[in-house]
Protein backbone atom coordinates (compact mmCIF):
# COMPACT_ATOMS: atom_id res chain seq x y z
CA UNK A 1 37.49 25.69 15.47
CA UNK A 2 34.31 25.24 17.48
CA UNK A 3 32.30 27.14 14.84
CA UNK A 4 33.80 24.96 12.09
CA UNK A 5 32.88 21.78 13.96
CA UNK A 6 29.38 23.13 14.49
CA UNK A 7 29.02 23.95 10.80
CA UNK A 8 30.25 20.49 9.78
CA UNK A 9 27.85 18.84 12.24
CA UNK A 10 24.96 20.89 10.85
CA UNK A 11 25.91 19.99 7.28
CA UNK A 12 26.11 16.28 8.11
CA UNK A 13 22.79 16.32 9.94
CA UNK A 14 20.99 18.28 7.23
CA UNK A 15 22.43 15.94 4.59
CA UNK A 16 21.20 12.90 6.51
CA UNK A 17 17.77 14.50 6.82
CA UNK A 18 17.61 15.13 3.08
CA UNK A 19 18.88 11.61 2.37
CA UNK A 20 16.22 9.85 4.40
CA UNK A 21 13.55 12.28 3.14
CA UNK A 22 14.36 11.28 -0.45
CA UNK A 23 14.07 7.65 0.62
CA UNK A 24 10.68 8.33 2.19
CA UNK A 25 9.45 9.98 -1.01
CA UNK A 26 10.67 7.07 -3.15
CA UNK A 27 8.97 4.47 -0.97
CA UNK A 28 5.84 6.63 -0.78
CA UNK A 29 5.81 6.59 -4.59
CA UNK A 30 5.84 2.78 -4.45
CA UNK A 31 2.27 2.94 -3.17
CA UNK A 32 1.28 4.15 -6.63
CA UNK A 33 2.96 0.99 -7.87
CA UNK A 34 0.86 -1.15 -5.53
CA UNK A 35 -2.24 0.67 -6.76
CA UNK A 36 -1.60 0.25 -10.48
CA UNK A 37 -0.44 -3.34 -10.11
CA UNK A 38 -3.80 -4.12 -8.51
CA UNK A 39 -5.78 -1.96 -10.95
CA UNK A 40 -4.27 -3.79 -13.90
CA UNK A 41 -4.82 -7.24 -12.40
CA UNK A 42 -8.43 -7.03 -11.18
CA UNK A 43 -11.48 -6.96 -13.45
CA UNK A 44 -12.62 -3.57 -14.69
CA UNK A 45 -15.59 -3.45 -12.31
CA UNK A 46 -13.16 -3.38 -9.35
CA UNK A 47 -10.56 -0.85 -10.52
CA UNK A 48 -11.84 2.17 -8.61
CA UNK A 49 -11.94 0.14 -5.42
CA UNK A 50 -8.30 -0.86 -5.88
CA UNK A 51 -7.22 2.77 -6.19
CA UNK A 52 -9.33 3.94 -3.24
CA UNK A 53 -8.12 1.15 -0.94
CA UNK A 54 -4.44 1.98 -1.41
CA UNK A 55 -5.01 5.71 -0.85
CA UNK A 56 -7.25 5.38 2.21
CA UNK A 57 -5.15 2.63 3.74
CA UNK A 58 -2.17 4.98 3.61
CA UNK A 59 -4.11 7.80 5.28
CA UNK A 60 -5.40 5.68 8.15
CA UNK A 61 -2.04 3.92 8.49
CA UNK A 62 -0.28 7.27 8.86
CA UNK A 63 -2.49 8.30 11.76
CA UNK A 64 -2.27 4.88 13.42
CA UNK A 65 1.53 4.77 13.11
CA UNK A 66 2.00 8.40 14.21
CA UNK A 67 0.03 8.04 17.44
CA UNK A 68 0.50 4.35 18.31
CA UNK A 69 2.63 2.19 16.00
CA UNK A 70 5.87 4.18 16.12
CA UNK A 71 5.49 4.40 19.89
CA UNK A 72 5.05 0.61 20.13
CA UNK A 73 8.08 -0.08 17.93
CA UNK A 74 10.56 2.57 19.10
CA UNK A 75 9.11 4.04 22.32
CA UNK A 76 9.06 7.47 20.63
CA UNK A 77 6.12 9.90 20.62
CA UNK A 78 5.56 13.28 19.00
CA UNK A 79 3.78 15.07 21.82
CA UNK A 80 6.58 17.62 22.31
CA UNK A 81 6.38 21.20 21.03
CA UNK A 82 7.37 21.97 17.42
CA UNK A 83 10.66 23.58 18.48
CA UNK A 84 11.77 20.32 20.10
CA UNK A 85 10.63 18.23 17.13
CA UNK A 86 12.52 20.46 14.69
CA UNK A 87 15.88 19.90 16.39
CA UNK A 88 18.65 18.24 14.33
CA UNK A 89 16.97 19.55 11.18
CA UNK A 90 13.87 17.51 12.01
CA UNK A 91 15.71 14.25 11.31
CA UNK A 92 13.57 12.24 13.75
CA UNK A 93 10.39 13.44 12.06
CA UNK A 94 11.64 12.45 8.62
CA UNK A 95 12.81 9.09 9.97
CA UNK A 96 9.23 8.53 11.11
CA UNK A 97 8.01 9.41 7.60
CA UNK A 98 10.44 6.90 6.08
CA UNK A 99 9.43 4.09 8.42
CA UNK A 100 5.74 4.97 7.98
CA UNK A 101 6.02 4.21 4.28
CA UNK A 102 7.22 0.72 5.24
CA UNK A 103 4.39 0.23 7.74
CA UNK A 104 1.76 1.38 5.25
CA UNK A 105 3.04 -1.18 2.75
CA UNK A 106 1.46 -3.91 4.90
CA UNK A 107 -2.17 -2.97 4.06
CA UNK A 108 -1.13 -2.32 0.45
CA UNK A 109 0.19 -5.88 0.24
CA UNK A 110 -2.94 -7.37 1.80
CA UNK A 111 -5.14 -5.32 -0.52
CA UNK A 112 -4.02 -7.28 -3.57
CA UNK A 113 -4.99 -10.62 -2.06
CA UNK A 114 -8.48 -9.65 -0.91
CA UNK A 115 -9.48 -7.79 -4.07
CA UNK A 116 -12.90 -7.95 -5.70
CA UNK A 117 -15.00 -9.29 -2.80
CA UNK A 118 -13.93 -7.49 0.40
CA UNK A 119 -16.09 -5.01 2.30
CA UNK A 120 -14.50 -1.59 2.50
CA UNK A 121 -14.73 -0.41 6.11
CA UNK A 122 -13.92 -3.69 7.91
CA UNK A 123 -10.64 -3.99 6.03
CA UNK A 124 -9.84 -0.31 6.52
CA UNK A 125 -10.31 -0.82 10.26
CA UNK A 126 -8.18 -3.97 10.05
CA UNK A 127 -5.40 -2.02 8.32
CA UNK A 128 -5.47 0.57 11.08
CA UNK A 129 -5.23 -2.04 13.84
CA UNK A 130 -2.44 -3.95 12.11
CA UNK A 131 -0.31 -0.83 11.55
CA UNK A 132 -0.98 0.33 15.11
CA UNK A 133 -0.22 -2.92 16.92
CA UNK A 134 0.66 -6.08 14.96
CA UNK A 135 3.34 -4.83 12.56
CA UNK A 136 5.15 -2.50 15.02
CA UNK A 137 5.28 -5.26 17.62
CA UNK A 138 7.51 -7.36 15.35
CA UNK A 139 9.23 -4.31 13.84
CA UNK A 140 10.33 -3.23 17.32
CA UNK A 141 11.65 -6.69 18.15
CA UNK A 142 13.87 -6.83 15.07
CA UNK A 143 14.84 -3.22 14.38
CA UNK A 144 14.83 -1.78 17.91
CA UNK A 145 15.89 -4.78 20.01
CA UNK A 146 12.65 -4.84 22.03
CA UNK A 147 12.06 -7.58 24.61
CA UNK A 148 15.65 -8.85 24.34
CA UNK A 149 14.86 -11.26 21.50
CA UNK A 150 17.76 -10.14 19.33
CA UNK A 151 20.15 -10.39 22.26
CA UNK A 152 18.91 -13.94 22.93
CA UNK A 153 19.39 -14.94 19.28
CA UNK A 154 22.91 -13.48 19.30
CA UNK A 155 23.80 -15.31 22.52
CA UNK A 156 22.27 -18.61 21.37
CA UNK A 157 23.23 -18.73 17.67
CA UNK A 158 26.14 -16.31 17.41
CA UNK A 159 24.39 -13.42 15.64
CA UNK A 160 21.06 -11.55 15.79
CA UNK A 161 18.41 -11.86 13.10
CA UNK A 162 19.53 -9.79 10.12
CA UNK A 163 16.88 -8.07 7.98
CA UNK A 164 18.40 -4.94 6.50
CA UNK A 165 15.37 -3.67 4.57
CA UNK A 166 12.46 -5.87 5.51
CA UNK A 167 12.20 -9.15 3.59
CA UNK A 168 10.54 -10.60 6.67
CA UNK A 169 9.69 -7.55 8.79
CA UNK A 170 7.68 -5.90 6.00
CA UNK A 171 7.04 -8.29 3.11
CA UNK A 172 6.93 -11.56 4.98
CA UNK A 173 4.59 -10.20 7.64
CA UNK A 174 2.40 -8.55 4.99
CA UNK A 175 2.22 -11.69 2.87
CA UNK A 176 1.31 -14.02 5.73
CA UNK A 177 -1.27 -11.53 7.01
CA UNK A 178 -2.65 -11.53 3.49
CA UNK A 179 -2.95 -15.32 3.53
CA UNK A 180 -5.04 -15.20 6.71
CA UNK A 181 -7.32 -12.53 5.22
CA UNK A 182 -7.72 -14.38 1.91
CA UNK A 183 -8.63 -17.66 3.60
CA UNK A 184 -11.14 -16.00 5.93
CA UNK A 185 -12.66 -14.08 3.04
CA UNK A 186 -13.17 -17.08 0.77
CA UNK A 187 -13.19 -17.60 -2.98
CA UNK A 188 -14.64 -15.15 -5.50
CA UNK A 189 -17.93 -16.22 -7.03
CA UNK A 190 -17.44 -18.16 -10.25
CA UNK A 191 -13.70 -18.62 -9.76
CA UNK A 192 -14.00 -22.41 -9.73
CA UNK A 193 -16.59 -24.45 -11.62
CA UNK A 194 -16.81 -28.21 -11.32
CA UNK A 195 -13.56 -28.05 -9.37
CA UNK A 196 -11.66 -26.36 -12.20
CA UNK A 197 -10.13 -22.89 -12.23
CA UNK A 198 -11.99 -20.31 -14.32
CA UNK A 199 -9.67 -17.63 -15.71
CA UNK A 200 -10.35 -14.05 -14.62
CA UNK A 201 -7.86 -12.32 -16.96
CA UNK A 202 -6.22 -9.01 -15.96
CA UNK A 203 -8.22 -6.00 -17.05
CA UNK A 204 -5.27 -3.88 -18.14
CA UNK A 205 -1.78 -5.23 -18.79
CA UNK A 206 -0.26 -1.75 -19.36
CA UNK A 207 -1.45 -0.63 -15.89
CA UNK A 208 -0.13 -3.87 -14.38
CA UNK A 209 3.24 -3.24 -16.05
CA UNK A 210 3.24 0.40 -14.93
CA UNK A 211 2.68 -0.70 -11.34
CA UNK A 212 5.57 -3.15 -11.56
CA UNK A 213 7.92 -0.52 -13.00
CA UNK A 214 7.03 2.05 -10.31
CA UNK A 215 7.66 -0.55 -7.61
CA UNK A 216 11.00 -1.60 -9.14
CA UNK A 217 12.24 2.00 -9.28
CA UNK A 218 11.05 2.88 -5.79
CA UNK A 219 12.62 -0.28 -4.38
CA UNK A 220 16.09 1.24 -4.71
CA UNK A 221 14.97 3.84 -2.19
CA UNK A 222 13.41 1.09 -0.08
CA UNK A 223 16.69 -0.85 0.08
CA UNK A 224 19.54 1.64 -0.33
CA UNK A 225 18.07 4.29 1.95
CA UNK A 226 17.40 1.77 4.71
CA UNK A 227 20.93 2.80 5.74
CA UNK A 228 19.14 5.95 7.06
CA UNK A 229 22.35 8.03 6.93
CA UNK A 230 24.75 9.07 4.18
CA UNK A 231 27.59 7.51 6.15
CA UNK A 232 25.90 4.10 5.92
CA UNK A 233 25.08 4.22 2.21
CA UNK A 234 26.42 1.28 0.22
CA UNK A 235 26.66 0.68 -3.50
CA UNK A 236 26.62 -3.03 -2.66
CA UNK A 237 22.97 -2.70 -1.64
CA UNK A 238 22.10 -1.01 -4.94
CA UNK A 239 23.84 -3.58 -7.14
CA UNK A 240 22.53 -6.51 -5.11
CA UNK A 241 19.00 -5.13 -5.53
CA UNK A 242 19.62 -4.82 -9.25
CA UNK A 243 20.96 -8.36 -9.62
CA UNK A 244 18.16 -9.91 -7.58
CA UNK A 245 15.61 -8.05 -9.66
CA UNK A 246 17.24 -9.31 -12.86
CA UNK A 247 17.32 -12.87 -11.53
CA UNK A 248 13.60 -12.66 -10.83
CA UNK A 249 12.88 -11.37 -14.34
CA UNK A 250 14.83 -14.10 -16.12
CA UNK A 251 13.53 -17.07 -14.14
CA UNK A 252 9.93 -15.87 -14.19
CA UNK A 253 10.18 -15.51 -17.97
CA UNK A 254 11.57 -19.02 -18.40
CA UNK A 255 9.16 -20.74 -16.00
CA UNK A 256 6.16 -18.49 -16.66
CA UNK A 257 5.97 -19.34 -20.37
CA UNK A 258 5.96 -15.70 -21.51
CA UNK A 259 2.98 -14.81 -19.27
CA UNK A 260 3.14 -11.02 -18.68
CA UNK A 261 1.69 -11.36 -15.18
CA UNK A 262 4.53 -13.62 -14.13
CA UNK A 263 7.16 -11.57 -15.97
CA UNK A 264 6.16 -8.33 -14.25
CA UNK A 265 5.87 -9.92 -10.81
CA UNK A 266 9.17 -11.80 -11.19
CA UNK A 267 11.37 -8.74 -10.52
CA UNK A 268 9.23 -7.91 -7.50
CA UNK A 269 9.79 -11.42 -6.13
CA UNK A 270 13.54 -10.95 -6.50
CA UNK A 271 13.43 -7.56 -4.81
CA UNK A 272 11.33 -8.89 -1.92
CA UNK A 273 13.85 -11.65 -1.34
CA UNK A 274 16.98 -9.48 -1.44
CA UNK A 275 15.81 -6.91 1.12
CA UNK A 276 17.11 -8.86 4.12
CA UNK A 277 20.63 -9.55 2.91
CA UNK A 278 21.16 -6.76 0.39
CA UNK A 279 23.92 -5.22 2.52
CA UNK A 280 25.93 -8.41 3.10
CA UNK A 281 25.64 -10.82 0.14
CA UNK A 282 27.77 -10.93 -3.01
CA UNK A 283 26.09 -9.73 -6.23
CA UNK A 284 26.28 -13.25 -7.68
CA UNK A 285 24.55 -14.51 -4.54
CA UNK A 286 21.93 -11.78 -5.03
CA UNK A 287 21.34 -12.99 -8.59
CA UNK A 288 20.75 -16.50 -7.28
CA UNK A 289 18.47 -15.28 -4.47
CA UNK A 290 16.37 -13.33 -6.98
CA UNK A 291 16.27 -16.23 -9.43
CA UNK A 292 15.03 -18.66 -6.78
CA UNK A 293 12.41 -16.11 -5.70
CA UNK A 294 11.17 -15.65 -9.27
CA UNK A 295 10.82 -19.41 -9.68
CA UNK A 296 9.21 -19.77 -6.25
CA UNK A 297 6.58 -17.19 -7.13
CA UNK A 298 5.63 -18.78 -10.47
CA UNK A 299 5.54 -22.29 -9.02
CA UNK A 300 3.63 -21.49 -5.85
CA UNK A 301 1.18 -19.07 -7.47
CA UNK A 302 0.20 -21.83 -9.87
CA UNK A 303 -0.18 -24.40 -7.09
CA UNK A 304 -2.14 -22.03 -4.83
CA UNK A 305 -4.61 -21.13 -7.56
CA UNK A 306 -5.02 -24.49 -9.32
CA UNK A 307 -4.45 -27.17 -6.71
CA UNK A 308 -5.10 -25.61 -3.32
CA UNK A 309 -7.91 -23.32 -4.55
CA UNK A 310 -6.85 -20.36 -2.42
CA UNK A 311 -8.13 -17.28 -4.24
CA UNK A 312 -5.21 -14.90 -3.70
CA UNK A 313 -5.90 -12.43 -6.51
CA UNK A 314 -2.43 -10.88 -6.93
CA UNK A 315 -0.53 -13.76 -5.35
CA UNK A 316 0.52 -11.74 -2.31
CA UNK A 317 1.29 -14.82 -0.23
CA UNK A 318 3.69 -16.41 -2.74
CA UNK A 319 5.18 -13.04 -3.71
CA UNK A 320 5.59 -11.38 -0.32
CA UNK A 321 5.01 -14.15 2.23
CA UNK A 322 7.06 -16.97 0.73
CA UNK A 323 9.65 -14.89 -1.12
CA UNK A 324 10.05 -12.75 2.00
CA UNK A 325 10.64 -15.87 4.11
CA UNK A 326 13.10 -17.15 1.50
CA UNK A 327 14.92 -13.81 1.63
CA UNK A 328 15.26 -13.98 5.40
CA UNK A 329 16.74 -17.49 5.25
CA UNK A 330 18.83 -16.73 2.13
CA UNK A 331 20.60 -13.92 4.00
CA UNK A 332 21.90 -16.55 6.40
CA UNK A 333 23.14 -18.71 3.51
CA UNK A 334 24.61 -16.26 1.00
CA UNK A 335 25.62 -13.72 3.63
CA UNK A 336 28.23 -16.10 5.02
CA UNK A 337 31.87 -15.34 4.23
CA UNK A 338 32.32 -18.82 2.74
CA UNK A 339 29.92 -17.89 -0.07
CA UNK A 340 31.42 -14.47 -0.70
CA UNK A 341 29.28 -12.50 1.75
CA UNK A 342 30.42 -10.16 4.48
CA UNK A 343 29.62 -12.61 7.28
CA UNK A 344 28.34 -11.76 10.72
CA UNK A 345 25.09 -13.64 10.17
CA UNK A 346 23.76 -16.94 11.52
CA UNK A 347 21.57 -19.28 9.47
CA UNK A 348 19.85 -20.56 12.62
CA UNK A 349 19.05 -17.01 13.71
CA UNK A 350 17.67 -16.30 10.24
CA UNK A 351 15.43 -19.35 10.39
CA UNK A 352 14.27 -18.49 13.92
CA UNK A 353 13.59 -14.83 13.10
CA UNK A 354 11.72 -15.74 9.93
CA UNK A 355 9.58 -18.22 11.85
CA UNK A 356 8.85 -15.54 14.45
CA UNK A 357 7.67 -13.12 11.79
CA UNK A 358 5.34 -15.74 10.31
CA UNK A 359 3.95 -16.58 13.76
CA UNK A 360 3.27 -12.90 14.59
CA UNK A 361 1.48 -12.44 11.26
CA UNK A 362 -0.64 -15.58 11.59
CA UNK A 363 -1.63 -14.90 15.20
CA UNK A 364 -2.13 -11.16 14.71
CA UNK A 365 -4.07 -11.70 11.51
CA UNK A 366 -6.23 -14.33 13.14
CA UNK A 367 -7.13 -11.97 15.98
CA UNK A 368 -7.76 -8.88 13.83
CA UNK A 369 -9.51 -10.41 10.82
CA UNK A 370 -11.25 -13.07 12.90
CA UNK A 371 -12.59 -10.51 15.33
CA UNK A 372 -13.85 -8.22 12.57
CA UNK A 373 -15.42 -11.15 10.72
CA UNK A 374 -17.46 -11.94 13.83
CA UNK A 375 -18.37 -8.34 14.63
CA UNK A 376 -18.86 -6.78 11.17
CA UNK A 377 -18.37 -9.39 8.48
CA UNK A 378 -15.62 -9.17 5.88
CA UNK A 379 -17.26 -9.96 2.57
CA UNK A 380 -19.57 -8.21 0.11
CA UNK A 381 -22.91 -9.90 -0.41
CA UNK A 382 -23.36 -11.90 -3.60
CA UNK A 383 -25.21 -9.19 -5.53
CA UNK A 384 -22.66 -6.49 -4.67
CA UNK A 385 -19.80 -8.79 -5.64
CA UNK A 386 -21.49 -9.55 -8.95
CA UNK A 387 -22.01 -5.84 -9.68
CA UNK A 388 -18.43 -5.10 -8.69
CA UNK A 389 -16.92 -3.17 -5.81
CA UNK A 390 -16.77 0.05 -7.85
CA UNK A 391 -20.53 0.44 -8.15
CA UNK A 392 -21.40 -1.33 -4.90
CA UNK A 393 -19.07 0.69 -2.66
CA UNK A 394 -18.08 3.85 -4.54
CA UNK A 395 -21.13 4.32 -6.82
CA UNK A 396 -18.99 5.00 -9.89
CA UNK A 397 -17.19 3.03 -12.59
CA UNK A 398 -13.58 3.49 -13.64
CA UNK A 399 -14.46 4.41 -17.23
CA UNK A 400 -17.36 6.49 -18.50
CA UNK A 401 -18.77 5.49 -21.85
CA UNK A 402 -20.53 8.87 -22.30
C-alpha cells in the first residue's frame, strides 16, 4: 500500500509539474505577441528596436527575478545544490519559470508606450530594477501575504484582495508604470502640430494582428494555469476568459468605427480585465466585464492621444493600466453571489488593493525612471529619433531593399 501511495504521489506531482510548465511555455510565447503587436504599430524605422527590446528585456528580467525578485516576493532562493532543487520533480523550479513570465510582462508592457524615442540601455536597466524590486514587492503582498496587508484587508472588509491571474498585480502595475515612463519621456517629434494630432499610422497591420492573436491564445495559459496545479484547474476560468475576450472584440468594433487597431486591442482589453475575477464570476458577468474594458480602451485611448496629448504609442496605460484597474474592481462587483458569482470577495477590498497597486507603480516608477533620467537621460537625441531607433541604436533596418 505504501508503494502505491508513493506512486500516486509521484504521478500527481509530475503531472502538476508538467501542467505549470505548459503554462509557463504558453505565457512565454505571449512575449512574441507583445513583440509583433509593437512591431506592427510603430513606424518601419523602429521595428528592429521593438523586437530587440522585448527579447533583451526578457533576458535581463529573468536574471533579476531569479536572483532578487522571486526572493523579494516569496522569500525563496535557488542557492541550494541541484539535487535539492530537483526534488518533487522540480516543481518549485518550474513554478519560478511560470511566475517569471508574468514578471517579464511588465517591461514588455512598458515597451509599447515608450516606443520610437527611448534610449536603449537606460530602459533596459529600468526593466531590471523594476522586475527585481518594484513588481515583486507588490506581487509578494498580494500573492504571498507579505507584510500582513491581505490579513488586514480580510479583517477590515471581510475578504482579502482577490486577483487570480493579475489584472492589477501584472497588467495594472505595468500600465501605470508605463504612464510614468511615457510622461517622463515626452512626446515624439512631429506628433502634434499647431496643437493638433498628426497621424503616425501603423507600419504593418498583419504583424499587429499576429501579435494580438498570439497574445489571445497565450492568455488561456496565463489565466487557466494560474491555478498552478491540476487539482485547481477550472473550466470556468477558460470560458470566462473567452467571454471577456469576445466582449472586448464586439464593443471595440462598435465604438472603434471598424479601426483595426482598436479591433485587435479590444480582445486584449477584455482579457486584461477578466484576469482578476476569472475564477469567481459568471460567464455573463465576464462578457460584461470584457465589453466595458473594450469600450474603456477605445474611449480613453482617444482622449489620451487627442485631448491630453500623452504620447502613449500602443496605449499601454488605457489597455493595461485602466482596464487592469477596472478588472480588479469588477471582480468585487461581478464576483458577488448576488450577481451570479461564487462570492467570497469584497468590493472595498478590491478598491483598496487596486489603489495600492497603482500607488506602488506610480511611486516605484517615479523613483526608477526619475533617477535614471537624472543620471543617464531617457530619450534619444533629435537626430537619432528622426533617423529611427533601428539605425541609431542597432545600425540596421528591418527590411533590406537589396
